[in-house]
Full PDB file with SEQRES, HELIX, SHEET, SSBOND, CRYST1, ORIGX, SCALE, CONECT and MASTER records, all heavy atoms in Angstrom:
SEQRES   1 A   30  VAL ASP SER VAL LYS GLY ARG PHE THR ILE SER ARG ASP          
SEQRES   2 A   30  THR ALA LYS ASN THR ALA TYR LEU GLN MET ASN TRP LEU          
SEQRES   3 A   30  ASN VAL GLU ASP                                              
HELIX    1 AA1 THR A   14  LYS A   16  5                                   3    
SHEET    1 AA1 2 PHE A   8  ASP A  13  0                                        
SHEET    2 AA1 2 THR A  18  MET A  23 -1                                        
CRYST1    1.000    1.000    1.000  90.00  90.00  90.00 P 1           1          
ORIGX1      1.000000  0.000000  0.000000        0.00000                         
ORIGX2      0.000000  1.000000  0.000000        0.00000                         
ORIGX3      0.000000  0.000000  1.000000        0.00000                         
SCALE1      1.000000  0.000000  0.000000        0.00000                         
SCALE2      0.000000  1.000000  0.000000        0.00000                         
SCALE3      0.000000  0.000000  1.000000        0.00000                         
ATOM      1  N   VAL A   1       5.082  -0.269  -5.638  1.00  0.00           N  
ATOM      2  CA  VAL A   1       4.817  -0.868  -4.300  1.00  0.00           C  
ATOM      3  C   VAL A   1       6.245  -1.323  -3.941  1.00  0.00           C  
ATOM      4  O   VAL A   1       7.220  -1.620  -4.704  1.00  0.00           O  
ATOM      5  CB  VAL A   1       3.940  -2.085  -4.481  1.00  0.00           C  
ATOM      6  CG1 VAL A   1       4.562  -3.196  -5.295  1.00  0.00           C  
ATOM      7  CG2 VAL A   1       3.478  -2.582  -3.126  1.00  0.00           C  
ATOM      8  N   ASP A   2       6.557  -1.387  -2.492  1.00  0.00           N  
ATOM      9  CA  ASP A   2       7.852  -1.663  -2.060  1.00  0.00           C  
ATOM     10  C   ASP A   2       8.430  -3.008  -2.407  1.00  0.00           C  
ATOM     11  O   ASP A   2       9.717  -3.105  -2.641  1.00  0.00           O  
ATOM     12  CB  ASP A   2       7.728  -1.610  -0.515  1.00  0.00           C  
ATOM     13  CG  ASP A   2       7.687  -0.251   0.079  1.00  0.00           C  
ATOM     14  OD1 ASP A   2       7.872   0.765  -0.742  1.00  0.00           O  
ATOM     15  OD2 ASP A   2       7.339  -0.151   1.246  1.00  0.00           O  
ATOM     16  N   SER A   3       7.631  -3.925  -2.691  1.00  0.00           N  
ATOM     17  CA  SER A   3       8.167  -5.296  -3.091  1.00  0.00           C  
ATOM     18  C   SER A   3       8.749  -5.396  -4.400  1.00  0.00           C  
ATOM     19  O   SER A   3       9.462  -6.307  -4.620  1.00  0.00           O  
ATOM     20  CB  SER A   3       6.932  -6.377  -2.982  1.00  0.00           C  
ATOM     21  OG  SER A   3       5.977  -6.056  -3.938  1.00  0.00           O  
ATOM     22  N   VAL A   4       8.506  -4.303  -5.277  1.00  0.00           N  
ATOM     23  CA  VAL A   4       9.053  -4.469  -6.639  1.00  0.00           C  
ATOM     24  C   VAL A   4      10.108  -3.249  -6.928  1.00  0.00           C  
ATOM     25  O   VAL A   4      10.725  -3.100  -7.948  1.00  0.00           O  
ATOM     26  CB  VAL A   4       8.034  -4.519  -7.703  1.00  0.00           C  
ATOM     27  CG1 VAL A   4       7.020  -5.561  -7.588  1.00  0.00           C  
ATOM     28  CG2 VAL A   4       7.279  -3.032  -7.730  1.00  0.00           C  
ATOM     29  N   LYS A   5      10.182  -2.403  -5.961  1.00  0.00           N  
ATOM     30  CA  LYS A   5      11.292  -1.216  -6.002  1.00  0.00           C  
ATOM     31  C   LYS A   5      12.589  -1.843  -6.251  1.00  0.00           C  
ATOM     32  O   LYS A   5      13.102  -2.570  -5.535  1.00  0.00           O  
ATOM     33  CB  LYS A   5      11.037  -0.286  -4.729  1.00  0.00           C  
ATOM     34  CG  LYS A   5       9.993   0.672  -4.813  1.00  0.00           C  
ATOM     35  CD  LYS A   5      10.087   1.466  -3.487  1.00  0.00           C  
ATOM     36  CE  LYS A   5       8.913   2.433  -3.373  1.00  0.00           C  
ATOM     37  NZ  LYS A   5       9.007   3.259  -2.265  1.00  0.00           N  
ATOM     38  N   GLY A   6      13.201  -1.186  -7.286  1.00  0.00           N  
ATOM     39  CA  GLY A   6      14.640  -1.642  -7.677  1.00  0.00           C  
ATOM     40  C   GLY A   6      14.621  -2.724  -8.684  1.00  0.00           C  
ATOM     41  O   GLY A   6      15.764  -2.922  -9.193  1.00  0.00           O  
ATOM     42  N   ARG A   7      13.619  -3.461  -8.865  1.00  0.00           N  
ATOM     43  CA  ARG A   7      13.479  -4.516  -9.838  1.00  0.00           C  
ATOM     44  C   ARG A   7      12.637  -4.173 -11.015  1.00  0.00           C  
ATOM     45  O   ARG A   7      12.971  -4.672 -12.123  1.00  0.00           O  
ATOM     46  CB  ARG A   7      13.046  -5.833  -9.162  1.00  0.00           C  
ATOM     47  CG  ARG A   7      13.808  -6.407  -8.057  1.00  0.00           C  
ATOM     48  CD  ARG A   7      13.462  -7.889  -7.760  1.00  0.00           C  
ATOM     49  NE  ARG A   7      11.976  -8.009  -7.359  1.00  0.00           N  
ATOM     50  CZ  ARG A   7      11.174  -8.756  -7.907  1.00  0.00           C  
ATOM     51  NH1 ARG A   7      11.547  -9.621  -8.880  1.00  0.00           N  
ATOM     52  NH2 ARG A   7       9.916  -8.760  -7.442  1.00  0.00           N  
ATOM     53  N   PHE A   8      11.569  -3.464 -10.726  1.00  0.00           N  
ATOM     54  CA  PHE A   8      10.679  -3.335 -11.845  1.00  0.00           C  
ATOM     55  C   PHE A   8      10.572  -1.746 -12.088  1.00  0.00           C  
ATOM     56  O   PHE A   8      10.781  -0.974 -11.279  1.00  0.00           O  
ATOM     57  CB  PHE A   8       9.229  -3.539 -11.481  1.00  0.00           C  
ATOM     58  CG  PHE A   8       8.963  -4.968 -11.196  1.00  0.00           C  
ATOM     59  CD1 PHE A   8       9.792  -6.029 -11.305  1.00  0.00           C  
ATOM     60  CD2 PHE A   8       7.514  -5.483 -11.072  1.00  0.00           C  
ATOM     61  CE1 PHE A   8       9.524  -7.447 -11.176  1.00  0.00           C  
ATOM     62  CE2 PHE A   8       7.214  -6.748 -10.933  1.00  0.00           C  
ATOM     63  CZ  PHE A   8       8.267  -7.757 -10.980  1.00  0.00           C  
ATOM     64  N   THR A   9      10.509  -1.424 -13.434  1.00  0.00           N  
ATOM     65  CA  THR A   9      10.569  -0.054 -13.982  1.00  0.00           C  
ATOM     66  C   THR A   9       9.374   0.182 -14.950  1.00  0.00           C  
ATOM     67  O   THR A   9       9.228  -0.675 -15.867  1.00  0.00           O  
ATOM     68  CB  THR A   9      11.936   0.310 -14.597  1.00  0.00           C  
ATOM     69  OG1 THR A   9      12.890   0.079 -13.732  1.00  0.00           O  
ATOM     70  CG2 THR A   9      11.873   1.659 -15.065  1.00  0.00           C  
ATOM     71  N   ILE A  10       8.569   1.222 -14.649  1.00  0.00           N  
ATOM     72  CA  ILE A  10       7.538   1.426 -15.593  1.00  0.00           C  
ATOM     73  C   ILE A  10       7.892   2.722 -16.474  1.00  0.00           C  
ATOM     74  O   ILE A  10       8.412   3.685 -15.893  1.00  0.00           O  
ATOM     75  CB  ILE A  10       6.183   1.789 -14.805  1.00  0.00           C  
ATOM     76  CG1 ILE A  10       5.828   0.553 -13.941  1.00  0.00           C  
ATOM     77  CG2 ILE A  10       5.090   2.226 -15.736  1.00  0.00           C  
ATOM     78  CD1 ILE A  10       4.529   0.805 -13.071  1.00  0.00           C  
ATOM     79  N   SER A  11       7.585   2.646 -17.599  1.00  0.00           N  
ATOM     80  CA  SER A  11       7.908   3.794 -18.547  1.00  0.00           C  
ATOM     81  C   SER A  11       6.741   3.864 -19.607  1.00  0.00           C  
ATOM     82  O   SER A  11       5.930   3.031 -19.512  1.00  0.00           O  
ATOM     83  CB  SER A  11       9.258   3.651 -19.255  1.00  0.00           C  
ATOM     84  OG  SER A  11       9.191   2.473 -20.137  1.00  0.00           O  
ATOM     85  N   ARG A  12       6.763   4.955 -20.271  1.00  0.00           N  
ATOM     86  CA  ARG A  12       5.804   5.117 -21.341  1.00  0.00           C  
ATOM     87  C   ARG A  12       6.334   5.866 -22.479  1.00  0.00           C  
ATOM     88  O   ARG A  12       7.131   6.568 -22.392  1.00  0.00           O  
ATOM     89  CB  ARG A  12       4.445   5.857 -20.762  1.00  0.00           C  
ATOM     90  CG  ARG A  12       4.424   7.405 -20.858  1.00  0.00           C  
ATOM     91  CD  ARG A  12       5.158   8.001 -19.730  1.00  0.00           C  
ATOM     92  NE  ARG A  12       4.952   9.362 -19.634  1.00  0.00           N  
ATOM     93  CZ  ARG A  12       5.935  10.258 -20.125  1.00  0.00           C  
ATOM     94  NH1 ARG A  12       7.174   9.670 -20.482  1.00  0.00           N  
ATOM     95  NH2 ARG A  12       5.838  11.480 -20.069  1.00  0.00           N  
ATOM     96  N   ASP A  13       5.629   5.579 -23.665  1.00  0.00           N  
ATOM     97  CA  ASP A  13       5.875   6.311 -24.903  1.00  0.00           C  
ATOM     98  C   ASP A  13       4.663   6.863 -25.320  1.00  0.00           C  
ATOM     99  O   ASP A  13       3.761   6.114 -25.906  1.00  0.00           O  
ATOM    100  CB  ASP A  13       6.544   5.325 -25.897  1.00  0.00           C  
ATOM    101  CG  ASP A  13       6.911   5.921 -27.306  1.00  0.00           C  
ATOM    102  OD1 ASP A  13       6.266   7.069 -27.556  1.00  0.00           O  
ATOM    103  OD2 ASP A  13       7.797   5.486 -27.864  1.00  0.00           O  
ATOM    104  N   THR A  14       4.286   8.157 -25.020  1.00  0.00           N  
ATOM    105  CA  THR A  14       3.013   8.697 -25.394  1.00  0.00           C  
ATOM    106  C   THR A  14       2.740   8.773 -26.872  1.00  0.00           C  
ATOM    107  O   THR A  14       1.617   8.693 -27.170  1.00  0.00           O  
ATOM    108  CB  THR A  14       2.973  10.012 -24.738  1.00  0.00           C  
ATOM    109  OG1 THR A  14       3.970  10.899 -25.146  1.00  0.00           O  
ATOM    110  CG2 THR A  14       2.951   9.956 -23.270  1.00  0.00           C  
ATOM    111  N   ALA A  15       3.846   8.930 -27.636  1.00  0.00           N  
ATOM    112  CA  ALA A  15       3.609   8.948 -29.142  1.00  0.00           C  
ATOM    113  C   ALA A  15       3.032   7.695 -29.626  1.00  0.00           C  
ATOM    114  O   ALA A  15       2.315   7.554 -30.681  1.00  0.00           O  
ATOM    115  CB  ALA A  15       4.974   9.297 -29.751  1.00  0.00           C  
ATOM    116  N   LYS A  16       3.419   6.484 -28.912  1.00  0.00           N  
ATOM    117  CA  LYS A  16       2.862   5.236 -29.328  1.00  0.00           C  
ATOM    118  C   LYS A  16       1.693   4.693 -28.439  1.00  0.00           C  
ATOM    119  O   LYS A  16       1.289   3.667 -28.614  1.00  0.00           O  
ATOM    120  CB  LYS A  16       3.979   4.164 -29.253  1.00  0.00           C  
ATOM    121  CG  LYS A  16       5.212   4.494 -30.135  1.00  0.00           C  
ATOM    122  CD  LYS A  16       6.280   3.354 -30.050  1.00  0.00           C  
ATOM    123  CE  LYS A  16       7.400   3.560 -30.967  1.00  0.00           C  
ATOM    124  NZ  LYS A  16       8.534   2.490 -30.815  1.00  0.00           N  
ATOM    125  N   ASN A  17       1.323   5.678 -27.532  1.00  0.00           N  
ATOM    126  CA  ASN A  17       0.244   5.337 -26.562  1.00  0.00           C  
ATOM    127  C   ASN A  17       0.449   3.844 -25.815  1.00  0.00           C  
ATOM    128  O   ASN A  17      -0.442   3.125 -25.650  1.00  0.00           O  
ATOM    129  CB  ASN A  17      -1.119   5.211 -27.338  1.00  0.00           C  
ATOM    130  CG  ASN A  17      -1.731   6.549 -27.626  1.00  0.00           C  
ATOM    131  OD1 ASN A  17      -1.483   7.492 -26.899  1.00  0.00           O  
ATOM    132  ND2 ASN A  17      -2.310   6.754 -28.773  1.00  0.00           N  
ATOM    133  N   THR A  18       1.726   3.734 -25.549  1.00  0.00           N  
ATOM    134  CA  THR A  18       2.221   2.491 -24.927  1.00  0.00           C  
ATOM    135  C   THR A  18       2.960   2.756 -23.598  1.00  0.00           C  
ATOM    136  O   THR A  18       3.732   3.571 -23.568  1.00  0.00           O  
ATOM    137  CB  THR A  18       2.996   1.796 -25.902  1.00  0.00           C  
ATOM    138  OG1 THR A  18       2.315   1.568 -27.157  1.00  0.00           O  
ATOM    139  CG2 THR A  18       3.577   0.366 -25.343  1.00  0.00           C  
ATOM    140  N   ALA A  19       2.521   1.824 -22.654  1.00  0.00           N  
ATOM    141  CA  ALA A  19       3.325   1.819 -21.434  1.00  0.00           C  
ATOM    142  C   ALA A  19       4.102   0.538 -21.316  1.00  0.00           C  
ATOM    143  O   ALA A  19       3.734  -0.516 -21.921  1.00  0.00           O  
ATOM    144  CB  ALA A  19       2.299   1.945 -20.278  1.00  0.00           C  
ATOM    145  N   TYR A  20       5.163   0.473 -20.573  1.00  0.00           N  
ATOM    146  CA  TYR A  20       5.957  -0.698 -20.433  1.00  0.00           C  
ATOM    147  C   TYR A  20       6.164  -0.957 -18.969  1.00  0.00           C  
ATOM    148  O   TYR A  20       6.275  -0.051 -18.133  1.00  0.00           O  
ATOM    149  CB  TYR A  20       7.335  -0.469 -21.149  1.00  0.00           C  
ATOM    150  CG  TYR A  20       7.178  -0.049 -22.563  1.00  0.00           C  
ATOM    151  CD1 TYR A  20       7.215   1.331 -23.035  1.00  0.00           C  
ATOM    152  CD2 TYR A  20       7.109  -1.051 -23.580  1.00  0.00           C  
ATOM    153  CE1 TYR A  20       7.026   1.617 -24.302  1.00  0.00           C  
ATOM    154  CE2 TYR A  20       7.012  -0.712 -24.867  1.00  0.00           C  
ATOM    155  CZ  TYR A  20       6.931   0.616 -25.202  1.00  0.00           C  
ATOM    156  OH  TYR A  20       6.823   0.994 -26.621  1.00  0.00           O  
ATOM    157  N   LEU A  21       6.348  -2.268 -18.724  1.00  0.00           N  
ATOM    158  CA  LEU A  21       6.731  -2.733 -17.367  1.00  0.00           C  
ATOM    159  C   LEU A  21       8.007  -3.534 -17.557  1.00  0.00           C  
ATOM    160  O   LEU A  21       7.909  -4.722 -18.063  1.00  0.00           O  
ATOM    161  CB  LEU A  21       5.598  -3.560 -16.675  1.00  0.00           C  
ATOM    162  CG  LEU A  21       5.961  -4.229 -15.362  1.00  0.00           C  
ATOM    163  CD1 LEU A  21       6.301  -3.029 -14.382  1.00  0.00           C  
ATOM    164  CD2 LEU A  21       4.852  -5.025 -14.894  1.00  0.00           C  
ATOM    165  N   GLN A  22       9.176  -2.984 -17.207  1.00  0.00           N  
ATOM    166  CA  GLN A  22      10.392  -3.877 -17.315  1.00  0.00           C  
ATOM    167  C   GLN A  22      10.639  -4.538 -15.940  1.00  0.00           C  
ATOM    168  O   GLN A  22      10.655  -3.883 -14.893  1.00  0.00           O  
ATOM    169  CB  GLN A  22      11.553  -2.961 -17.619  1.00  0.00           C  
ATOM    170  CG  GLN A  22      12.799  -3.830 -17.695  1.00  0.00           C  
ATOM    171  CD  GLN A  22      14.105  -2.890 -18.073  1.00  0.00           C  
ATOM    172  OE1 GLN A  22      13.843  -1.709 -18.416  1.00  0.00           O  
ATOM    173  NE2 GLN A  22      15.255  -3.475 -17.944  1.00  0.00           N  
ATOM    174  N   MET A  23      10.756  -5.743 -16.004  1.00  0.00           N  
ATOM    175  CA  MET A  23      10.927  -6.558 -14.803  1.00  0.00           C  
ATOM    176  C   MET A  23      12.283  -7.344 -14.762  1.00  0.00           C  
ATOM    177  O   MET A  23      12.549  -8.046 -15.777  1.00  0.00           O  
ATOM    178  CB  MET A  23       9.719  -7.640 -14.729  1.00  0.00           C  
ATOM    179  CG  MET A  23       8.402  -7.084 -14.787  1.00  0.00           C  
ATOM    180  SD  MET A  23       7.001  -8.153 -14.568  1.00  0.00           S  
ATOM    181  CE  MET A  23       7.216  -9.085 -16.171  1.00  0.00           C  
ATOM    182  N   ASN A  24      13.061  -6.943 -13.834  1.00  0.00           N  
ATOM    183  CA  ASN A  24      14.405  -7.666 -13.677  1.00  0.00           C  
ATOM    184  C   ASN A  24      14.415  -8.477 -12.504  1.00  0.00           C  
ATOM    185  O   ASN A  24      13.645  -8.425 -11.612  1.00  0.00           O  
ATOM    186  CB  ASN A  24      15.465  -6.559 -13.544  1.00  0.00           C  
ATOM    187  CG  ASN A  24      15.574  -5.644 -14.822  1.00  0.00           C  
ATOM    188  OD1 ASN A  24      15.398  -6.049 -15.906  1.00  0.00           O  
ATOM    189  ND2 ASN A  24      15.822  -4.369 -14.509  1.00  0.00           N  
ATOM    190  N   TRP A  25      15.463  -9.491 -12.415  1.00  0.00           N  
ATOM    191  CA  TRP A  25      15.655 -10.376 -11.337  1.00  0.00           C  
ATOM    192  C   TRP A  25      14.389 -10.978 -10.896  1.00  0.00           C  
ATOM    193  O   TRP A  25      13.995 -11.110  -9.746  1.00  0.00           O  
ATOM    194  CB  TRP A  25      16.156  -9.655 -10.113  1.00  0.00           C  
ATOM    195  CG  TRP A  25      17.599  -9.070 -10.429  1.00  0.00           C  
ATOM    196  CD1 TRP A  25      17.923  -7.773 -10.748  1.00  0.00           C  
ATOM    197  CD2 TRP A  25      18.715  -9.889 -10.540  1.00  0.00           C  
ATOM    198  NE1 TRP A  25      19.304  -7.703 -11.054  1.00  0.00           N  
ATOM    199  CE2 TRP A  25      19.799  -9.036 -11.004  1.00  0.00           C  
ATOM    200  CE3 TRP A  25      19.100 -11.173 -10.363  1.00  0.00           C  
ATOM    201  CZ2 TRP A  25      21.169  -9.351 -11.053  1.00  0.00           C  
ATOM    202  CZ3 TRP A  25      20.447 -11.527 -10.601  1.00  0.00           C  
ATOM    203  CH2 TRP A  25      21.477 -10.691 -10.846  1.00  0.00           C  
ATOM    204  N   LEU A  26      13.630 -11.585 -11.907  1.00  0.00           N  
ATOM    205  CA  LEU A  26      12.386 -12.235 -11.659  1.00  0.00           C  
ATOM    206  C   LEU A  26      12.475 -13.382 -10.684  1.00  0.00           C  
ATOM    207  O   LEU A  26      13.588 -14.206 -10.860  1.00  0.00           O  
ATOM    208  CB  LEU A  26      11.560 -12.582 -12.921  1.00  0.00           C  
ATOM    209  CG  LEU A  26      11.057 -11.394 -13.766  1.00  0.00           C  
ATOM    210  CD1 LEU A  26      10.784 -11.740 -15.160  1.00  0.00           C  
ATOM    211  CD2 LEU A  26       9.770 -10.950 -12.940  1.00  0.00           C  
ATOM    212  N   ASN A  27      11.646 -13.732  -9.857  1.00  0.00           N  
ATOM    213  CA  ASN A  27      11.538 -14.907  -9.041  1.00  0.00           C  
ATOM    214  C   ASN A  27      10.203 -15.567  -9.064  1.00  0.00           C  
ATOM    215  O   ASN A  27       9.342 -14.996  -9.703  1.00  0.00           O  
ATOM    216  CB  ASN A  27      11.965 -14.712  -7.651  1.00  0.00           C  
ATOM    217  CG  ASN A  27      11.163 -13.546  -6.950  1.00  0.00           C  
ATOM    218  OD1 ASN A  27       9.924 -13.773  -6.922  1.00  0.00           O  
ATOM    219  ND2 ASN A  27      11.616 -12.370  -6.544  1.00  0.00           N  
ATOM    220  N   VAL A  28      10.101 -16.768  -8.566  1.00  0.00           N  
ATOM    221  CA  VAL A  28       8.941 -17.575  -8.691  1.00  0.00           C  
ATOM    222  C   VAL A  28       7.677 -16.801  -8.188  1.00  0.00           C  
ATOM    223  O   VAL A  28       6.538 -17.061  -8.617  1.00  0.00           O  
ATOM    224  CB  VAL A  28       9.083 -19.054  -8.109  1.00  0.00           C  
ATOM    225  CG1 VAL A  28      10.093 -19.789  -8.947  1.00  0.00           C  
ATOM    226  CG2 VAL A  28       9.458 -18.966  -6.691  1.00  0.00           C  
ATOM    227  N   GLU A  29       8.009 -16.025  -7.186  1.00  0.00           N  
ATOM    228  CA  GLU A  29       6.855 -15.349  -6.528  1.00  0.00           C  
ATOM    229  C   GLU A  29       6.272 -14.212  -7.413  1.00  0.00           C  
ATOM    230  O   GLU A  29       5.123 -13.704  -7.187  1.00  0.00           O  
ATOM    231  CB  GLU A  29       7.244 -14.611  -5.140  1.00  0.00           C  
ATOM    232  CG  GLU A  29       7.540 -15.690  -4.056  1.00  0.00           C  
ATOM    233  CD  GLU A  29       8.754 -16.335  -4.196  1.00  0.00           C  
ATOM    234  OE1 GLU A  29       9.764 -15.820  -4.809  1.00  0.00           O  
ATOM    235  OE2 GLU A  29       8.960 -17.406  -3.673  1.00  0.00           O  
ATOM    236  N   ASP A  30       6.926 -13.924  -8.505  1.00  0.00           N  
ATOM    237  CA  ASP A  30       6.453 -12.961  -9.491  1.00  0.00           C  
ATOM    238  C   ASP A  30       5.399 -13.662 -10.474  1.00  0.00           C  
ATOM    239  O   ASP A  30       4.907 -12.946 -11.353  1.00  0.00           O  
ATOM    240  CB  ASP A  30       7.592 -12.340 -10.334  1.00  0.00           C  
ATOM    241  CG  ASP A  30       8.476 -11.517  -9.401  1.00  0.00           C  
ATOM    242  OD1 ASP A  30       7.927 -10.716  -8.482  1.00  0.00           O  
ATOM    243  OD2 ASP A  30       9.699 -11.504  -9.567  1.00  0.00           O  
TER     244      ASP A  30                                                      
MASTER        0    0    0    1    2    0    0    6  243    1    0    3          
END                                                                             
């Protein structure tokens, strides 16, 4: 979604069946 582009990154490790949400520059609205 546009509001998190450039700040949030989604990745996954299929071998571990795990997805990640890396969140940078967090603000109170998050």
